[in-house]
Protein backbone atom coordinates (compact mmCIF):
# COMPACT_ATOMS: atom_id res chain seq x y z
CA MET A 1 -18.55 17.58 8.55
CA SER A 2 -19.15 21.23 9.30
CA ALA A 3 -22.37 22.96 8.33
CA HIS A 4 -20.63 24.90 5.57
CA SER A 5 -18.81 21.93 4.12
CA SER A 6 -21.99 19.87 4.03
CA VAL A 7 -23.65 22.60 1.96
CA ILE A 8 -20.71 22.59 -0.44
CA ALA A 9 -20.70 18.79 -0.55
CA GLU A 10 -24.41 18.64 -1.35
CA ARG A 11 -23.95 21.07 -4.24
CA ARG A 12 -20.87 19.25 -5.53
CA ARG A 13 -22.16 15.66 -5.23
CA PRO A 14 -24.15 15.44 -8.49
CA ALA A 15 -21.31 17.03 -10.43
CA VAL A 16 -18.90 14.20 -9.65
CA ALA A 17 -20.54 10.99 -10.80
CA GLU A 18 -24.09 11.37 -11.95
CA SER A 19 -23.44 14.17 -14.43
CA ASN A 20 -20.03 12.93 -15.60
CA VAL A 21 -21.00 9.46 -16.74
CA GLY A 22 -19.33 8.68 -20.03
CA VAL A 23 -17.32 5.54 -20.58
CA LEU A 24 -16.95 4.86 -16.86
CA GLU A 25 -19.98 3.98 -14.77
CA ALA A 26 -21.02 6.39 -12.01
CA LYS A 27 -20.00 3.88 -9.32
CA THR A 28 -16.50 3.61 -10.80
CA ILE A 29 -16.17 7.39 -10.90
CA GLU A 30 -17.16 7.60 -7.22
CA LEU A 31 -14.65 4.88 -6.31
CA ILE A 32 -11.92 6.86 -8.08
CA ALA A 33 -13.06 10.04 -6.31
CA LEU A 34 -12.97 8.18 -3.00
CA ALA A 35 -9.44 6.91 -3.65
CA VAL A 36 -8.29 10.43 -4.54
CA ALA A 37 -9.98 11.82 -1.42
CA ALA A 38 -8.09 9.29 0.68
CA THR A 39 -4.75 10.33 -0.82
CA LEU A 40 -5.61 13.99 -0.28
CA ARG A 41 -6.72 13.27 3.31
CA CYS A 42 -9.97 15.22 2.82
CA ASP A 43 -12.37 14.13 5.57
CA ASP A 44 -15.44 15.77 4.06
CA CYS A 45 -14.61 14.34 0.63
CA LEU A 46 -14.32 10.86 2.15
CA THR A 47 -17.74 11.22 3.72
CA VAL A 48 -19.39 12.47 0.54
CA HIS A 49 -17.77 9.97 -1.83
CA THR A 50 -18.27 6.99 0.48
CA ALA A 51 -21.97 7.80 0.75
CA ALA A 52 -22.25 8.29 -3.01
CA ALA A 53 -20.42 5.03 -3.75
CA ILE A 54 -22.72 3.14 -1.37
CA ARG A 55 -25.77 4.81 -2.90
CA LEU A 56 -24.55 3.65 -6.33
CA GLY A 57 -24.18 0.06 -5.10
CA ALA A 58 -20.49 -0.20 -4.25
CA THR A 59 -19.62 -3.09 -1.97
CA GLN A 60 -17.24 -2.97 0.96
CA GLU A 61 -14.82 -5.08 -1.10
CA GLU A 62 -14.92 -2.55 -3.94
CA LEU A 63 -14.27 0.30 -1.51
CA ALA A 64 -11.38 -1.64 0.01
CA GLU A 65 -9.85 -2.35 -3.40
CA ALA A 66 -10.08 1.29 -4.45
CA LEU A 67 -8.46 2.38 -1.18
CA ALA A 68 -5.74 -0.29 -1.43
CA THR A 69 -4.95 0.93 -4.95
CA ALA A 70 -4.66 4.50 -3.68
CA ALA A 71 -2.36 3.35 -0.87
CA ALA A 72 -0.17 1.43 -3.33
CA VAL A 73 0.15 4.46 -5.61
CA ASN A 74 1.05 6.64 -2.61
CA ALA A 75 3.67 4.10 -1.54
CA GLY A 76 5.18 4.22 -5.02
CA ALA A 77 5.35 8.00 -4.92
CA ALA A 78 6.97 7.89 -1.48
CA LEU A 79 9.57 5.49 -2.84
CA VAL A 80 10.39 7.81 -5.75
CA TYR A 81 10.74 10.82 -3.46
CA SER A 82 12.81 8.79 -1.01
CA ALA A 83 15.24 8.01 -3.83
CA ARG A 84 15.43 11.74 -4.62
CA VAL A 85 16.33 12.47 -1.00
CA LEU A 86 19.11 9.89 -1.12
CA ASP A 87 20.36 11.30 -4.45
CA THR A 88 20.44 14.79 -2.93
CA TRP A 89 22.33 13.51 0.11
CA THR A 90 24.84 11.75 -2.14
CA ALA A 91 25.35 14.88 -4.26
CA ARG A 92 25.84 17.14 -1.25
CA ALA A 93 27.91 14.77 0.84
CA ALA A 94 30.49 14.31 -1.92
């Protein structure tokens, strides 16, 4: 993480889980943030949200499940867009 991004991350960290606790627990919010960070491929976000999830008591199994869910959702989206590519090919090849 660069010096600038760590400053931004430190300022942003409390705003994600600790100050947004409502129905979902802070740990759950951080696990969601981590899964989103993985799908966005944001290295600094992964670092910040992994540390926050650990600090809030997340286990390795919980991290893995959140990441597996993110991967499954991404796979579904890739499937939908793949079908669109094939539909476009069919429309243009006719």
